[in-house]
């Protein structure tokens, strides 16, 4: 299972909130909710998060065995 646990730590370290993602970076509320619920998101979204947070994918998502 892919989880976005590292995303929240990275966002906190960089001072980015979900509000910032939605308002400043025009990410939809539904996408933010999907991230919060560890639901699938597109690779385009993952790429945008890497660009916004200036970090590698490993700072956003990780694979955890079920």
N, C-alpha and C. Protein backbone atom coordinates (compact mmCIF):
# COMPACT_ATOMS: atom_id res chain seq x y z
N UNK A 1 0.84 -1.17 0.00
CA UNK A 1 0.00 0.00 0.00
C UNK A 1 0.89 1.24 0.00
N UNK A 2 0.52 2.21 -0.76
CA UNK A 2 1.23 3.48 -0.80
C UNK A 2 0.62 4.40 0.25
N UNK A 3 1.46 4.98 1.09
CA UNK A 3 0.97 5.94 2.08
C UNK A 3 1.66 7.28 1.87
N UNK A 4 1.00 8.31 2.31
CA UNK A 4 1.54 9.66 2.17
C UNK A 4 1.99 10.22 3.51
N UNK A 5 2.31 9.35 4.44
CA UNK A 5 2.80 9.78 5.75
C UNK A 5 4.00 10.72 5.65
N UNK A 6 4.99 10.42 4.78
CA UNK A 6 6.13 11.34 4.69
C UNK A 6 5.75 12.75 4.20
N UNK A 7 4.66 12.83 3.44
CA UNK A 7 4.22 14.13 2.92
C UNK A 7 3.94 15.11 4.05
N UNK A 8 3.25 14.66 5.07
CA UNK A 8 2.84 15.57 6.15
C UNK A 8 4.05 16.07 6.94
N UNK A 9 5.05 15.21 7.12
CA UNK A 9 6.28 15.62 7.80
C UNK A 9 7.04 16.65 6.94
N UNK A 10 7.13 16.37 5.65
CA UNK A 10 7.82 17.27 4.73
C UNK A 10 7.12 18.62 4.67
N UNK A 11 5.79 18.60 4.60
CA UNK A 11 5.04 19.85 4.57
C UNK A 11 5.28 20.65 5.84
N UNK A 12 5.27 20.00 6.98
CA UNK A 12 5.49 20.69 8.25
C UNK A 12 6.89 21.32 8.29
N UNK A 13 7.88 20.57 7.84
CA UNK A 13 9.26 21.08 7.83
C UNK A 13 9.41 22.30 6.93
N UNK A 14 8.65 22.32 5.83
CA UNK A 14 8.76 23.41 4.86
C UNK A 14 7.73 24.51 5.08
N UNK A 15 6.89 24.36 6.10
CA UNK A 15 5.91 25.39 6.41
C UNK A 15 4.77 25.49 5.41
N UNK A 16 4.42 24.37 4.80
CA UNK A 16 3.34 24.34 3.82
C UNK A 16 2.14 23.65 4.46
N UNK A 17 0.97 24.24 4.31
CA UNK A 17 -0.25 23.67 4.87
C UNK A 17 -1.14 23.18 3.73
N UNK A 18 -2.19 22.46 4.10
CA UNK A 18 -3.15 22.03 3.07
C UNK A 18 -3.85 23.25 2.48
N UNK A 19 -4.02 24.27 3.28
CA UNK A 19 -4.61 25.52 2.77
C UNK A 19 -3.71 26.12 1.68
N UNK A 20 -2.41 26.10 1.92
CA UNK A 20 -1.45 26.61 0.93
C UNK A 20 -1.54 25.81 -0.36
N UNK A 21 -1.64 24.50 -0.25
CA UNK A 21 -1.76 23.66 -1.45
C UNK A 21 -3.00 24.02 -2.24
N UNK A 22 -4.11 24.22 -1.54
CA UNK A 22 -5.37 24.50 -2.21
C UNK A 22 -5.43 25.91 -2.79
N UNK A 23 -5.00 26.90 -2.03
CA UNK A 23 -5.17 28.29 -2.45
C UNK A 23 -4.01 28.77 -3.32
N UNK A 24 -2.81 28.66 -2.81
CA UNK A 24 -1.65 29.21 -3.54
C UNK A 24 -1.28 28.36 -4.76
N UNK A 25 -1.45 27.04 -4.64
CA UNK A 25 -1.02 26.15 -5.72
C UNK A 25 -2.18 25.52 -6.49
N UNK A 26 -3.39 25.97 -6.20
CA UNK A 26 -4.60 25.56 -6.94
C UNK A 26 -4.81 24.05 -7.00
N UNK A 27 -4.50 23.37 -5.91
CA UNK A 27 -4.76 21.94 -5.83
C UNK A 27 -6.19 21.78 -5.31
N UNK A 28 -6.93 20.89 -5.91
CA UNK A 28 -8.33 20.75 -5.53
C UNK A 28 -8.48 20.18 -4.12
N UNK A 29 -9.59 20.54 -3.50
CA UNK A 29 -9.90 20.03 -2.16
C UNK A 29 -10.00 18.50 -2.20
N UNK A 30 -10.56 17.97 -3.26
CA UNK A 30 -10.72 16.51 -3.40
C UNK A 30 -9.36 15.81 -3.44
N UNK A 31 -8.40 16.41 -4.12
CA UNK A 31 -7.06 15.82 -4.19
C UNK A 31 -6.40 15.82 -2.82
N UNK A 32 -6.52 16.92 -2.10
CA UNK A 32 -5.96 16.99 -0.75
C UNK A 32 -6.60 15.94 0.15
N UNK A 33 -7.90 15.78 0.03
CA UNK A 33 -8.59 14.75 0.81
C UNK A 33 -8.10 13.35 0.46
N UNK A 34 -7.86 13.10 -0.82
CA UNK A 34 -7.36 11.79 -1.25
C UNK A 34 -5.99 11.53 -0.62
N UNK A 35 -5.16 12.54 -0.58
CA UNK A 35 -3.84 12.40 0.06
C UNK A 35 -3.99 12.10 1.55
N UNK A 36 -4.89 12.81 2.20
CA UNK A 36 -5.11 12.62 3.63
C UNK A 36 -5.62 11.22 3.95
N UNK A 37 -6.34 10.63 3.02
CA UNK A 37 -6.94 9.30 3.23
C UNK A 37 -6.09 8.17 2.64
N UNK A 38 -4.89 8.51 2.14
CA UNK A 38 -4.00 7.54 1.50
C UNK A 38 -4.67 6.83 0.32
N UNK A 39 -5.47 7.59 -0.41
CA UNK A 39 -6.12 7.05 -1.60
C UNK A 39 -5.26 7.38 -2.82
N UNK A 40 -5.47 6.66 -3.92
CA UNK A 40 -4.65 6.89 -5.12
C UNK A 40 -4.77 8.32 -5.66
N UNK A 41 -3.64 8.84 -6.11
CA UNK A 41 -3.59 10.12 -6.81
C UNK A 41 -2.74 9.92 -8.07
N UNK A 42 -2.86 10.83 -8.99
CA UNK A 42 -2.15 10.69 -10.26
C UNK A 42 -0.66 11.01 -10.10
N UNK A 43 0.11 10.53 -11.06
CA UNK A 43 1.54 10.86 -11.05
C UNK A 43 1.74 12.35 -11.33
N UNK A 44 0.80 12.97 -11.99
CA UNK A 44 0.88 14.42 -12.21
C UNK A 44 0.82 15.14 -10.86
N UNK A 45 -0.07 14.68 -9.97
CA UNK A 45 -0.18 15.27 -8.63
C UNK A 45 1.11 15.06 -7.85
N UNK A 46 1.66 13.86 -7.93
CA UNK A 46 2.91 13.58 -7.22
C UNK A 46 4.03 14.47 -7.74
N UNK A 47 4.08 14.65 -9.05
CA UNK A 47 5.09 15.53 -9.64
C UNK A 47 4.91 16.97 -9.16
N UNK A 48 3.68 17.44 -9.12
CA UNK A 48 3.41 18.81 -8.64
C UNK A 48 3.85 18.97 -7.19
N UNK A 49 3.57 17.97 -6.36
CA UNK A 49 3.98 18.04 -4.96
C UNK A 49 5.49 18.10 -4.84
N UNK A 50 6.20 17.31 -5.65
CA UNK A 50 7.66 17.34 -5.63
C UNK A 50 8.18 18.73 -6.01
N UNK A 51 7.54 19.34 -7.00
CA UNK A 51 7.95 20.68 -7.42
C UNK A 51 7.61 21.72 -6.36
N UNK A 52 6.42 21.65 -5.81
CA UNK A 52 5.99 22.62 -4.79
C UNK A 52 6.90 22.55 -3.57
N UNK A 53 7.19 21.33 -3.12
CA UNK A 53 7.97 21.14 -1.90
C UNK A 53 9.47 21.05 -2.16
N UNK A 54 9.87 21.05 -3.43
CA UNK A 54 11.28 20.95 -3.82
C UNK A 54 11.93 19.76 -3.11
N UNK A 55 11.38 18.58 -3.38
CA UNK A 55 11.87 17.38 -2.71
C UNK A 55 11.71 16.16 -3.62
N UNK A 56 12.38 15.06 -3.29
CA UNK A 56 12.20 13.83 -4.06
C UNK A 56 10.90 13.14 -3.68
N UNK A 57 10.48 12.21 -4.51
CA UNK A 57 9.24 11.47 -4.27
C UNK A 57 9.26 10.74 -2.94
N UNK A 58 10.41 10.29 -2.50
CA UNK A 58 10.51 9.56 -1.23
C UNK A 58 10.14 10.42 -0.03
N UNK A 59 10.15 11.74 -0.19
CA UNK A 59 9.73 12.65 0.88
C UNK A 59 8.21 12.87 0.88
N UNK A 60 7.52 12.25 -0.08
CA UNK A 60 6.08 12.43 -0.23
C UNK A 60 5.31 11.13 0.01
N UNK A 61 5.84 10.04 -0.50
CA UNK A 61 5.12 8.77 -0.44
C UNK A 61 6.07 7.63 -0.09
N UNK A 62 5.48 6.57 0.47
CA UNK A 62 6.26 5.37 0.75
C UNK A 62 5.38 4.15 0.57
N UNK A 63 6.01 3.02 0.30
CA UNK A 63 5.29 1.76 0.16
C UNK A 63 5.39 1.00 1.47
N UNK A 64 4.23 0.55 1.96
CA UNK A 64 4.16 -0.23 3.19
C UNK A 64 3.43 -1.51 2.85
N UNK A 65 4.01 -2.65 3.24
CA UNK A 65 3.34 -3.92 2.98
C UNK A 65 2.04 -4.01 3.76
N UNK A 66 1.02 -4.56 3.11
CA UNK A 66 -0.29 -4.73 3.75
C UNK A 66 -0.24 -5.80 4.80
